[in-house]
Amino acid sequence: QVQLVESGGGLVQAGDSLRLSCAASGRTFSSYAMAWFRQAPGKDPGKEREFVASINSRGGSTSYADSVKGRFTISRDNAKNTVYLQMNSLKPEDTAVYYCATVVLYNGSYRSRLGDWGQGTQVTVSS
């Protein structure tokens, strides 16, 4: 089981950039595909969080939600047991708590979540 800790969130203005990090424990991190998700304020906590981006275990294949394509970049450093989310040109609608998770991919695209959520990191984008 991989334990996850997200960090790097904050309050920024529209158009700014942030880089989120997700640090994982365990020696099997490099075996897992990873993904970022988000939950916007006021959304039903019982509803599945919104998929943002995924990356395969070796980092050679990525996929993105249409809403972030061209602005966000997911990457990973298996030597550091960390996955990143570089967020550029942030918009107020990107405001959410961001979570990472281990996932199952199908043909390089996100299929389902595999492991537990971390605690999340808050991103707030002001207009």
Foldseek 3Di string as FASTA:
>chain_A
DKAKDKDWADEEAAQAKTKIKIAIDDLCLLQFKKFKFWDAPPDDPVDDTHTAKIAGSNRPAMDGDPVQPPFWDWGDDSVRRMIMIIGGRDDQVVWTFMWMATADADPRHGDGGDDDIHPTDTHGYHD
